[in-house]
Amino acid sequence: QTTISQAKADEVNAGLADVASVSAPRLGGVPHGLLDDVRALP
């Protein structure tokens, strides 16, 4: 059971890993509308 649980957790973490992340801490967070702009990128 613990082996299966660990394997499931590893699969979930691998699927949720980001390739790139965008942050703007000095702006108080990511600007409104940036998410739509990123989604529109080829």
PDB file of all heavy atoms in Angstrom:
ATOM      1  N   GLN A   1       0.825  -1.209   0.000  1.00  0.00           N
ATOM      2  CA  GLN A   1       0.000   0.000   0.000  1.00  0.00           C
ATOM      3  C   GLN A   1       0.857   1.256   0.000  1.00  0.00           C
ATOM      4  O   GLN A   1       0.561   2.220  -0.705  1.00  0.00           O
ATOM      5  CB  GLN A   1      -0.950  -0.004   1.207  1.00  0.00           C
ATOM      6  CG  GLN A   1      -2.011  -1.070   1.138  1.00  0.00           C
ATOM      7  CD  GLN A   1      -2.872  -0.953  -0.101  1.00  0.00           C
ATOM      8  OE1 GLN A   1      -3.314   0.117  -0.469  1.00  0.00           O
ATOM      9  NE2 GLN A   1      -3.092  -2.071  -0.759  1.00  0.00           N
ATOM     10  N   THR A   2       1.921   1.273   0.799  1.00  0.00           N
ATOM     11  CA  THR A   2       2.770   2.469   0.836  1.00  0.00           C
ATOM     12  C   THR A   2       3.519   2.646  -0.487  1.00  0.00           C
ATOM     13  O   THR A   2       3.714   3.768  -0.937  1.00  0.00           O
ATOM     14  CB  THR A   2       3.762   2.418   2.009  1.00  0.00           C
ATOM     15  OG1 THR A   2       4.529   1.216   1.922  1.00  0.00           O
ATOM     16  CG2 THR A   2       3.042   2.462   3.339  1.00  0.00           C
ATOM     17  N   THR A   3       3.910   1.552  -1.106  1.00  0.00           N
ATOM     18  CA  THR A   3       4.594   1.633  -2.401  1.00  0.00           C
ATOM     19  C   THR A   3       3.649   2.182  -3.464  1.00  0.00           C
ATOM     20  O   THR A   3       4.030   3.049  -4.269  1.00  0.00           O
ATOM     21  CB  THR A   3       5.118   0.251  -2.825  1.00  0.00           C
ATOM     22  OG1 THR A   3       5.994  -0.237  -1.819  1.00  0.00           O
ATOM     23  CG2 THR A   3       5.836   0.311  -4.157  1.00  0.00           C
ATOM     24  N   ILE A   4       2.424   1.723  -3.479  1.00  0.00           N
ATOM     25  CA  ILE A   4       1.430   2.209  -4.441  1.00  0.00           C
ATOM     26  C   ILE A   4       1.122   3.678  -4.181  1.00  0.00           C
ATOM     27  O   ILE A   4       1.035   4.483  -5.113  1.00  0.00           O
ATOM     28  CB  ILE A   4       0.152   1.347  -4.388  1.00  0.00           C
ATOM     29  CG1 ILE A   4       0.444  -0.050  -4.932  1.00  0.00           C
ATOM     30  CG2 ILE A   4      -0.988   2.006  -5.158  1.00  0.00           C
ATOM     31  CD1 ILE A   4      -0.680  -1.041  -4.739  1.00  0.00           C
ATOM     32  N   SER A   5       0.976   4.054  -2.918  1.00  0.00           N
ATOM     33  CA  SER A   5       0.702   5.455  -2.583  1.00  0.00           C
ATOM     34  C   SER A   5       1.836   6.361  -3.040  1.00  0.00           C
ATOM     35  O   SER A   5       1.603   7.448  -3.577  1.00  0.00           O
ATOM     36  CB  SER A   5       0.491   5.611  -1.081  1.00  0.00           C
ATOM     37  OG  SER A   5      -0.659   4.940  -0.677  1.00  0.00           O
ATOM     38  N   GLN A   6       3.061   5.927  -2.829  1.00  0.00           N
ATOM     39  CA  GLN A   6       4.211   6.731  -3.245  1.00  0.00           C
ATOM     40  C   GLN A   6       4.268   6.842  -4.769  1.00  0.00           C
ATOM     41  O   GLN A   6       4.546   7.906  -5.311  1.00  0.00           O
ATOM     42  CB  GLN A   6       5.510   6.133  -2.717  1.00  0.00           C
ATOM     43  CG  GLN A   6       6.734   6.959  -3.042  1.00  0.00           C
ATOM     44  CD  GLN A   6       6.688   8.340  -2.426  1.00  0.00           C
ATOM     45  OE1 GLN A   6       6.341   8.492  -1.259  1.00  0.00           O
ATOM     46  NE2 GLN A   6       7.006   9.352  -3.203  1.00  0.00           N
ATOM     47  N   ALA A   7       3.993   5.765  -5.468  1.00  0.00           N
ATOM     48  CA  ALA A   7       4.002   5.792  -6.933  1.00  0.00           C
ATOM     49  C   ALA A   7       2.934   6.750  -7.462  1.00  0.00           C
ATOM     50  O   ALA A   7       3.184   7.501  -8.414  1.00  0.00           O
ATOM     51  CB  ALA A   7       3.786   4.391  -7.482  1.00  0.00           C
ATOM     52  N   LYS A   8       1.756   6.741  -6.848  1.00  0.00           N
ATOM     53  CA  LYS A   8       0.693   7.659  -7.266  1.00  0.00           C
ATOM     54  C   LYS A   8       1.104   9.099  -7.026  1.00  0.00           C
ATOM     55  O   LYS A   8       0.889   9.965  -7.869  1.00  0.00           O
ATOM     56  CB  LYS A   8      -0.604   7.334  -6.532  1.00  0.00           C
ATOM     57  CG  LYS A   8      -1.279   6.083  -7.044  1.00  0.00           C
ATOM     58  CD  LYS A   8      -2.443   5.605  -6.213  1.00  0.00           C
ATOM     59  CE  LYS A   8      -3.416   6.628  -5.765  1.00  0.00           C
ATOM     60  NZ  LYS A   8      -4.539   6.073  -4.994  1.00  0.00           N
ATOM     61  N   ALA A   9       1.710   9.361  -5.874  1.00  0.00           N
ATOM     62  CA  ALA A   9       2.149  10.723  -5.556  1.00  0.00           C
ATOM     63  C   ALA A   9       3.218  11.194  -6.538  1.00  0.00           C
ATOM     64  O   ALA A   9       3.202  12.347  -6.984  1.00  0.00           O
ATOM     65  CB  ALA A   9       2.672  10.784  -4.127  1.00  0.00           C
ATOM     66  N   ASP A  10       4.141  10.307  -6.897  1.00  0.00           N
ATOM     67  CA  ASP A  10       5.178  10.662  -7.864  1.00  0.00           C
ATOM     68  C   ASP A  10       4.573  10.988  -9.226  1.00  0.00           C
ATOM     69  O   ASP A  10       5.010  11.926  -9.893  1.00  0.00           O
ATOM     70  CB  ASP A  10       6.193   9.524  -8.002  1.00  0.00           C
ATOM     71  CG  ASP A  10       7.038   9.343  -6.751  1.00  0.00           C
ATOM     72  OD1 ASP A  10       7.049  10.250  -5.893  1.00  0.00           O
ATOM     73  OD2 ASP A  10       7.675   8.272  -6.639  1.00  0.00           O
ATOM     74  N   GLU A  11       3.578  10.225  -9.642  1.00  0.00           N
ATOM     75  CA  GLU A  11       2.924  10.475 -10.924  1.00  0.00           C
ATOM     76  C   GLU A  11       2.200  11.817 -10.921  1.00  0.00           C
ATOM     77  O   GLU A  11       2.249  12.564 -11.896  1.00  0.00           O
ATOM     78  CB  GLU A  11       1.938   9.353 -11.246  1.00  0.00           C
ATOM     79  CG  GLU A  11       2.591   8.059 -11.641  1.00  0.00           C
ATOM     80  CD  GLU A  11       3.302   8.146 -12.967  1.00  0.00           C
ATOM     81  OE1 GLU A  11       2.772   8.771 -13.897  1.00  0.00           O
ATOM     82  OE2 GLU A  11       4.407   7.595 -13.067  1.00  0.00           O
ATOM     83  N   VAL A  12       1.524  12.124  -9.837  1.00  0.00           N
ATOM     84  CA  VAL A  12       0.812  13.401  -9.737  1.00  0.00           C
ATOM     85  C   VAL A  12       1.799  14.552  -9.778  1.00  0.00           C
ATOM     86  O   VAL A  12       1.599  15.532 -10.503  1.00  0.00           O
ATOM     87  CB  VAL A  12      -0.045  13.451  -8.452  1.00  0.00           C
ATOM     88  CG1 VAL A  12      -0.542  14.852  -8.187  1.00  0.00           C
ATOM     89  CG2 VAL A  12      -1.206  12.492  -8.560  1.00  0.00           C
ATOM     90  N   ASN A  13       2.879  14.451  -9.019  1.00  0.00           N
ATOM     91  CA  ASN A  13       3.870  15.524  -9.008  1.00  0.00           C
ATOM     92  C   ASN A  13       4.524  15.704 -10.367  1.00  0.00           C
ATOM     93  O   ASN A  13       4.800  16.828 -10.784  1.00  0.00           O
ATOM     94  CB  ASN A  13       4.926  15.257  -7.939  1.00  0.00           C
ATOM     95  CG  ASN A  13       4.380  15.429  -6.542  1.00  0.00           C
ATOM     96  OD1 ASN A  13       3.417  16.145  -6.334  1.00  0.00           O
ATOM     97  ND2 ASN A  13       4.990  14.765  -5.583  1.00  0.00           N
ATOM     98  N   ALA A  14       4.780  14.620 -11.065  1.00  0.00           N
ATOM     99  CA  ALA A  14       5.374  14.722 -12.401  1.00  0.00           C
ATOM    100  C   ALA A  14       4.420  15.397 -13.376  1.00  0.00           C
ATOM    101  O   ALA A  14       4.834  16.158 -14.239  1.00  0.00           O
ATOM    102  CB  ALA A  14       5.755  13.341 -12.909  1.00  0.00           C
ATOM    103  N   GLY A  15       3.131  15.142 -13.223  1.00  0.00           N
ATOM    104  CA  GLY A  15       2.140  15.744 -14.106  1.00  0.00           C
ATOM    105  C   GLY A  15       1.877  17.200 -13.818  1.00  0.00           C
ATOM    106  O   GLY A  15       1.412  17.942 -14.677  1.00  0.00           O
ATOM    107  N   LEU A  16       2.183  17.645 -12.618  1.00  0.00           N
ATOM    108  CA  LEU A  16       1.920  19.027 -12.241  1.00  0.00           C
ATOM    109  C   LEU A  16       3.147  19.926 -12.306  1.00  0.00           C
ATOM    110  O   LEU A  16       3.063  21.093 -11.992  1.00  0.00           O
ATOM    111  CB  LEU A  16       1.348  19.074 -10.811  1.00  0.00           C
ATOM    112  CG  LEU A  16      -0.007  18.412 -10.619  1.00  0.00           C
ATOM    113  CD1 LEU A  16      -0.425  18.497  -9.160  1.00  0.00           C
ATOM    114  CD2 LEU A  16      -1.057  19.070 -11.492  1.00  0.00           C
ATOM    115  N   ALA A  17       4.263  19.367 -12.717  1.00  0.00           N
ATOM    116  CA  ALA A  17       5.491  20.157 -12.781  1.00  0.00           C
ATOM    117  C   ALA A  17       5.374  21.206 -13.885  1.00  0.00           C
ATOM    118  O   ALA A  17       4.953  20.906 -14.989  1.00  0.00           O
ATOM    119  CB  ALA A  17       6.691  19.254 -13.035  1.00  0.00           C
ATOM    120  N   ASP A  18       5.760  22.425 -13.564  1.00  0.00           N
ATOM    121  CA  ASP A  18       5.696  23.477 -14.566  1.00  0.00           C
ATOM    122  C   ASP A  18       7.026  23.590 -15.290  1.00  0.00           C
ATOM    123  O   ASP A  18       8.078  23.280 -14.767  1.00  0.00           O
ATOM    124  CB  ASP A  18       5.304  24.809 -13.937  1.00  0.00           C
ATOM    125  CG  ASP A  18       6.237  25.217 -12.804  1.00  0.00           C
ATOM    126  OD1 ASP A  18       7.094  24.412 -12.429  1.00  0.00           O
ATOM    127  OD2 ASP A  18       6.094  26.333 -12.307  1.00  0.00           O
ATOM    128  N   VAL A  19       6.952  24.003 -16.518  1.00  0.00           N
ATOM    129  CA  VAL A  19       8.146  24.202 -17.310  1.00  0.00           C
ATOM    130  C   VAL A  19       8.654  25.613 -17.093  1.00  0.00           C
ATOM    131  O   VAL A  19       9.840  25.864 -17.062  1.00  0.00           O
ATOM    132  CB  VAL A  19       7.850  23.938 -18.805  1.00  0.00           C
ATOM    133  CG1 VAL A  19       9.052  24.254 -19.660  1.00  0.00           C
ATOM    134  CG2 VAL A  19       7.414  22.507 -18.990  1.00  0.00           C
ATOM    135  N   ALA A  20       7.748  26.531 -16.917  1.00  0.00           N
ATOM    136  CA  ALA A  20       8.102  27.924 -16.676  1.00  0.00           C
ATOM    137  C   ALA A  20       7.062  28.541 -15.753  1.00  0.00           C
ATOM    138  O   ALA A  20       5.909  28.131 -15.739  1.00  0.00           O
ATOM    139  CB  ALA A  20       8.147  28.691 -17.984  1.00  0.00           C
ATOM    140  N   SER A  21       7.481  29.490 -14.979  1.00  0.00           N
ATOM    141  CA  SER A  21       6.532  30.192 -14.128  1.00  0.00           C
ATOM    142  C   SER A  21       6.787  31.693 -14.237  1.00  0.00           C
ATOM    143  O   SER A  21       7.903  32.129 -14.491  1.00  0.00           O
ATOM    144  CB  SER A  21       6.631  29.734 -12.672  1.00  0.00           C
ATOM    145  OG  SER A  21       7.914  30.021 -12.165  1.00  0.00           O
ATOM    146  N   VAL A  22       5.725  32.452 -14.071  1.00  0.00           N
ATOM    147  CA  VAL A  22       5.790  33.899 -14.164  1.00  0.00           C
ATOM    148  C   VAL A  22       5.369  34.456 -12.819  1.00  0.00           C
ATOM    149  O   VAL A  22       4.345  34.060 -12.261  1.00  0.00           O
ATOM    150  CB  VAL A  22       4.831  34.427 -15.261  1.00  0.00           C
ATOM    151  CG1 VAL A  22       4.850  35.944 -15.311  1.00  0.00           C
ATOM    152  CG2 VAL A  22       5.184  33.824 -16.601  1.00  0.00           C
ATOM    153  N   SER A  23       6.165  35.371 -12.295  1.00  0.00           N
ATOM    154  CA  SER A  23       5.794  36.011 -11.032  1.00  0.00           C
ATOM    155  C   SER A  23       6.131  37.490 -11.114  1.00  0.00           C
ATOM    156  O   SER A  23       6.939  37.915 -11.937  1.00  0.00           O
ATOM    157  CB  SER A  23       6.523  35.359  -9.856  1.00  0.00           C
ATOM    158  OG  SER A  23       7.915  35.540  -9.985  1.00  0.00           O
ATOM    159  N   ALA A  24       5.485  38.265 -10.291  1.00  0.00           N
ATOM    160  CA  ALA A  24       5.716  39.708 -10.248  1.00  0.00           C
ATOM    161  C   ALA A  24       5.571  40.185  -8.805  1.00  0.00           C
ATOM    162  O   ALA A  24       4.641  40.909  -8.478  1.00  0.00           O
ATOM    163  CB  ALA A  24       4.741  40.415 -11.173  1.00  0.00           C
ATOM    164  N   PRO A  25       6.486  39.782  -7.914  1.00  0.00           N
ATOM    165  CA  PRO A  25       6.337  40.143  -6.507  1.00  0.00           C
ATOM    166  C   PRO A  25       6.367  41.649  -6.249  1.00  0.00           C
ATOM    167  O   PRO A  25       5.690  42.133  -5.349  1.00  0.00           O
ATOM    168  CB  PRO A  25       7.504  39.434  -5.821  1.00  0.00           C
ATOM    169  CG  PRO A  25       8.475  39.103  -6.890  1.00  0.00           C
ATOM    170  CD  PRO A  25       7.698  39.003  -8.153  1.00  0.00           C
ATOM    171  N   ARG A  26       7.099  42.393  -7.040  1.00  0.00           N
ATOM    172  CA  ARG A  26       7.158  43.846  -6.824  1.00  0.00           C
ATOM    173  C   ARG A  26       5.886  44.553  -7.289  1.00  0.00           C
ATOM    174  O   ARG A  26       5.639  45.685  -6.915  1.00  0.00           O
ATOM    175  CB  ARG A  26       8.372  44.437  -7.521  1.00  0.00           C
ATOM    176  CG  ARG A  26       9.666  43.988  -6.874  1.00  0.00           C
ATOM    177  CD  ARG A  26      10.826  44.721  -7.445  1.00  0.00           C
ATOM    178  NE  ARG A  26      12.036  44.298  -6.773  1.00  0.00           N
ATOM    179  CZ  ARG A  26      13.205  44.836  -6.983  1.00  0.00           C
ATOM    180  NH1 ARG A  26      13.324  45.821  -7.850  1.00  0.00           N
ATOM    181  NH2 ARG A  26      14.265  44.410  -6.339  1.00  0.00           N
ATOM    182  N   LEU A  27       5.118  43.883  -8.129  1.00  0.00           N
ATOM    183  CA  LEU A  27       3.852  44.459  -8.592  1.00  0.00           C
ATOM    184  C   LEU A  27       2.683  44.055  -7.706  1.00  0.00           C
ATOM    185  O   LEU A  27       1.559  44.448  -7.949  1.00  0.00           O
ATOM    186  CB  LEU A  27       3.560  44.024 -10.031  1.00  0.00           C
ATOM    187  CG  LEU A  27       4.533  44.503 -11.100  1.00  0.00           C
ATOM    188  CD1 LEU A  27       4.165  43.900 -12.449  1.00  0.00           C
ATOM    189  CD2 LEU A  27       4.534  46.011 -11.188  1.00  0.00           C
ATOM    190  N   GLY A  28       2.950  43.218  -6.736  1.00  0.00           N
ATOM    191  CA  GLY A  28       1.875  42.742  -5.881  1.00  0.00           C
ATOM    192  C   GLY A  28       1.167  41.531  -6.458  1.00  0.00           C
ATOM    193  O   GLY A  28       0.058  41.211  -6.078  1.00  0.00           O
ATOM    194  N   GLY A  29       1.804  40.874  -7.390  1.00  0.00           N
ATOM    195  CA  GLY A  29       1.212  39.688  -8.008  1.00  0.00           C
ATOM    196  C   GLY A  29       1.195  39.815  -9.521  1.00  0.00           C
ATOM    197  O   GLY A  29       1.610  40.820 -10.090  1.00  0.00           O
ATOM    198  N   VAL A  30       0.718  38.791 -10.150  1.00  0.00           N
ATOM    199  CA  VAL A  30       0.658  38.766 -11.609  1.00  0.00           C
ATOM    200  C   VAL A  30      -0.429  39.733 -12.078  1.00  0.00           C
ATOM    201  O   VAL A  30      -1.553  39.700 -11.582  1.00  0.00           O
ATOM    202  CB  VAL A  30       0.367  37.328 -12.101  1.00  0.00           C
ATOM    203  CG1 VAL A  30       0.226  37.282 -13.603  1.00  0.00           C
ATOM    204  CG2 VAL A  30       1.474  36.382 -11.645  1.00  0.00           C
ATOM    205  N   PRO A  31      -0.116  40.608 -13.033  1.00  0.00           N
ATOM    206  CA  PRO A  31      -1.103  41.587 -13.513  1.00  0.00           C
ATOM    207  C   PRO A  31      -2.338  40.922 -14.122  1.00  0.00           C
ATOM    208  O   PRO A  31      -2.251  39.856 -14.727  1.00  0.00           O
ATOM    209  CB  PRO A  31      -0.337  42.372 -14.579  1.00  0.00           C
ATOM    210  CG  PRO A  31       1.102  42.163 -14.265  1.00  0.00           C
ATOM    211  CD  PRO A  31       1.194  40.803 -13.664  1.00  0.00           C
ATOM    212  N   HIS A  32      -3.468  41.580 -13.971  1.00  0.00           N
ATOM    213  CA  HIS A  32      -4.730  41.097 -14.512  1.00  0.00           C
ATOM    214  C   HIS A  32      -4.632  41.018 -16.034  1.00  0.00           C
ATOM    215  O   HIS A  32      -4.151  41.928 -16.691  1.00  0.00           O
ATOM    216  CB  HIS A  32      -5.864  42.036 -14.103  1.00  0.00           C
ATOM    217  CG  HIS A  32      -7.201  41.611 -14.588  1.00  0.00           C
ATOM    218  ND1 HIS A  32      -7.838  40.504 -14.099  1.00  0.00           N
ATOM    219  CD2 HIS A  32      -8.020  42.133 -15.530  1.00  0.00           C
ATOM    220  CE1 HIS A  32      -8.989  40.361 -14.711  1.00  0.00           C
ATOM    221  NE2 HIS A  32      -9.125  41.350 -15.591  1.00  0.00           N
ATOM    222  N   GLY A  33      -5.064  39.928 -16.596  1.00  0.00           N
ATOM    223  CA  GLY A  33      -5.044  39.751 -18.043  1.00  0.00           C
ATOM    224  C   GLY A  33      -3.803  39.044 -18.558  1.00  0.00           C
ATOM    225  O   GLY A  33      -3.777  38.618 -19.711  1.00  0.00           O
ATOM    226  N   LEU A  34      -2.766  38.924 -17.728  1.00  0.00           N
ATOM    227  CA  LEU A  34      -1.543  38.273 -18.184  1.00  0.00           C
ATOM    228  C   LEU A  34      -1.767  36.792 -18.475  1.00  0.00           C
ATOM    229  O   LEU A  34      -1.196  36.256 -19.425  1.00  0.00           O
ATOM    230  CB  LEU A  34      -0.434  38.439 -17.143  1.00  0.00           C
ATOM    231  CG  LEU A  34       0.912  37.824 -17.519  1.00  0.00           C
ATOM    232  CD1 LEU A  34       1.481  38.506 -18.753  1.00  0.00           C
ATOM    233  CD2 LEU A  34       1.880  37.917 -16.366  1.00  0.00           C
ATOM    234  N   LEU A  35      -2.604  36.147 -17.683  1.00  0.00           N
ATOM    235  CA  LEU A  35      -2.869  34.726 -17.893  1.00  0.00           C
ATOM    236  C   LEU A  35      -3.471  34.489 -19.280  1.00  0.00           C
ATOM    237  O   LEU A  35      -3.068  33.573 -19.997  1.00  0.00           O
ATOM    238  CB  LEU A  35      -3.803  34.186 -16.810  1.00  0.00           C
ATOM    239  CG  LEU A  35      -4.060  32.697 -16.811  1.00  0.00           C
ATOM    240  CD1 LEU A  35      -2.769  31.916 -16.669  1.00  0.00           C
ATOM    241  CD2 LEU A  35      -5.017  32.328 -15.699  1.00  0.00           C
ATOM    242  N   ASP A  36      -4.404  35.320 -19.697  1.00  0.00           N
ATOM    243  CA  ASP A  36      -4.983  35.188 -21.041  1.00  0.00           C
ATOM    244  C   ASP A  36      -3.941  35.438 -22.125  1.00  0.00           C
ATOM    245  O   ASP A  36      -3.932  34.759 -23.151  1.00  0.00           O
ATOM    246  CB  ASP A  36      -6.159  36.151 -21.216  1.00  0.00           C
ATOM    247  CG  ASP A  36      -7.339  35.787 -20.342  1.00  0.00           C
ATOM    248  OD1 ASP A  36      -7.517  34.575 -20.072  1.00  0.00           O
ATOM    249  OD2 ASP A  36      -8.074  36.696 -19.930  1.00  0.00           O
ATOM    250  N   ASP A  37      -3.038  36.397 -21.879  1.00  0.00           N
ATOM    251  CA  ASP A  37      -1.977  36.675 -22.845  1.00  0.00           C
ATOM    252  C   ASP A  37      -1.028  35.483 -22.985  1.00  0.00           C
ATOM    253  O   ASP A  37      -0.612  35.136 -24.088  1.00  0.00           O
ATOM    254  CB  ASP A  37      -1.182  37.915 -22.436  1.00  0.00           C
ATOM    255  CG  ASP A  37      -2.006  39.187 -22.502  1.00  0.00           C
ATOM    256  OD1 ASP A  37      -3.067  39.184 -23.162  1.00  0.00           O
ATOM    257  OD2 ASP A  37      -1.580  40.179 -21.880  1.00  0.00           O
ATOM    258  N   VAL A  38      -0.709  34.852 -21.871  1.00  0.00           N
ATOM    259  CA  VAL A  38       0.180  33.687 -21.898  1.00  0.00           C
ATOM    260  C   VAL A  38      -0.497  32.532 -22.613  1.00  0.00           C
ATOM    261  O   VAL A  38       0.126  31.839 -23.416  1.00  0.00           O
ATOM    262  CB  VAL A  38       0.599  33.287 -20.469  1.00  0.00           C
ATOM    263  CG1 VAL A  38       1.322  31.957 -20.453  1.00  0.00           C
ATOM    264  CG2 VAL A  38       1.472  34.367 -19.848  1.00  0.00           C
ATOM    265  N   ARG A  39      -1.771  32.312 -22.343  1.00  0.00           N
ATOM    266  CA  ARG A  39      -2.510  31.240 -23.020  1.00  0.00           C
ATOM    267  C   ARG A  39      -2.552  31.430 -24.526  1.00  0.00           C
ATOM    268  O   ARG A  39      -2.611  30.463 -25.285  1.00  0.00           O
ATOM    269  CB  ARG A  39      -3.941  31.163 -22.479  1.00  0.00           C
ATOM    270  CG  ARG A  39      -4.027  30.538 -21.114  1.00  0.00           C
ATOM    271  CD  ARG A  39      -5.468  30.471 -20.658  1.00  0.00           C
ATOM    272  NE  ARG A  39      -5.578  29.826 -19.368  1.00  0.00           N
ATOM    273  CZ  ARG A  39      -6.412  30.185 -18.414  1.00  0.00           C
ATOM    274  NH1 ARG A  39      -7.246  31.198 -18.621  1.00  0.00           N
ATOM    275  NH2 ARG A  39      -6.437  29.548 -17.269  1.00  0.00           N
ATOM    276  N   ALA A  40      -2.525  32.674 -24.990  1.00  0.00           N
ATOM    277  CA  ALA A  40      -2.613  32.966 -26.417  1.00  0.00           C
ATOM    278  C   ALA A  40      -1.279  32.786 -27.141  1.00  0.00           C
ATOM    279  O   ALA A  40      -1.247  32.768 -28.371  1.00  0.00           O
ATOM    280  CB  ALA A  40      -3.113  34.393 -26.615  1.00  0.00           C
ATOM    281  N   LEU A  41      -0.197  32.630 -26.412  1.00  0.00           N
ATOM    282  CA  LEU A  41       1.115  32.464 -27.042  1.00  0.00           C
ATOM    283  C   LEU A  41       1.199  31.138 -27.786  1.00  0.00           C
ATOM    284  O   LEU A  41       0.675  30.119 -27.317  1.00  0.00           O
ATOM    285  CB  LEU A  41       2.223  32.529 -25.990  1.00  0.00           C
ATOM    286  CG  LEU A  41       2.432  33.870 -25.306  1.00  0.00           C
ATOM    287  CD1 LEU A  41       3.417  33.725 -24.167  1.00  0.00           C
ATOM    288  CD2 LEU A  41       2.918  34.894 -26.317  1.00  0.00           C
ATOM    289  N   PRO A  42       1.866  31.119 -28.935  1.00  0.00           N
ATOM    290  CA  PRO A  42       2.020  29.863 -29.666  1.00  0.00           C
ATOM    291  C   PRO A  42       2.883  28.883 -28.868  1.00  0.00           C
ATOM    292  O   PRO A  42       3.875  29.271 -28.262  1.00  0.00           O
ATOM    293  CB  PRO A  42       2.715  30.272 -30.968  1.00  0.00           C
ATOM    294  CG  PRO A  42       3.171  31.667 -30.786  1.00  0.00           C
ATOM    295  CD  PRO A  42       2.458  32.252 -29.626  1.00  0.00           C
TER     296      PRO A  42
END
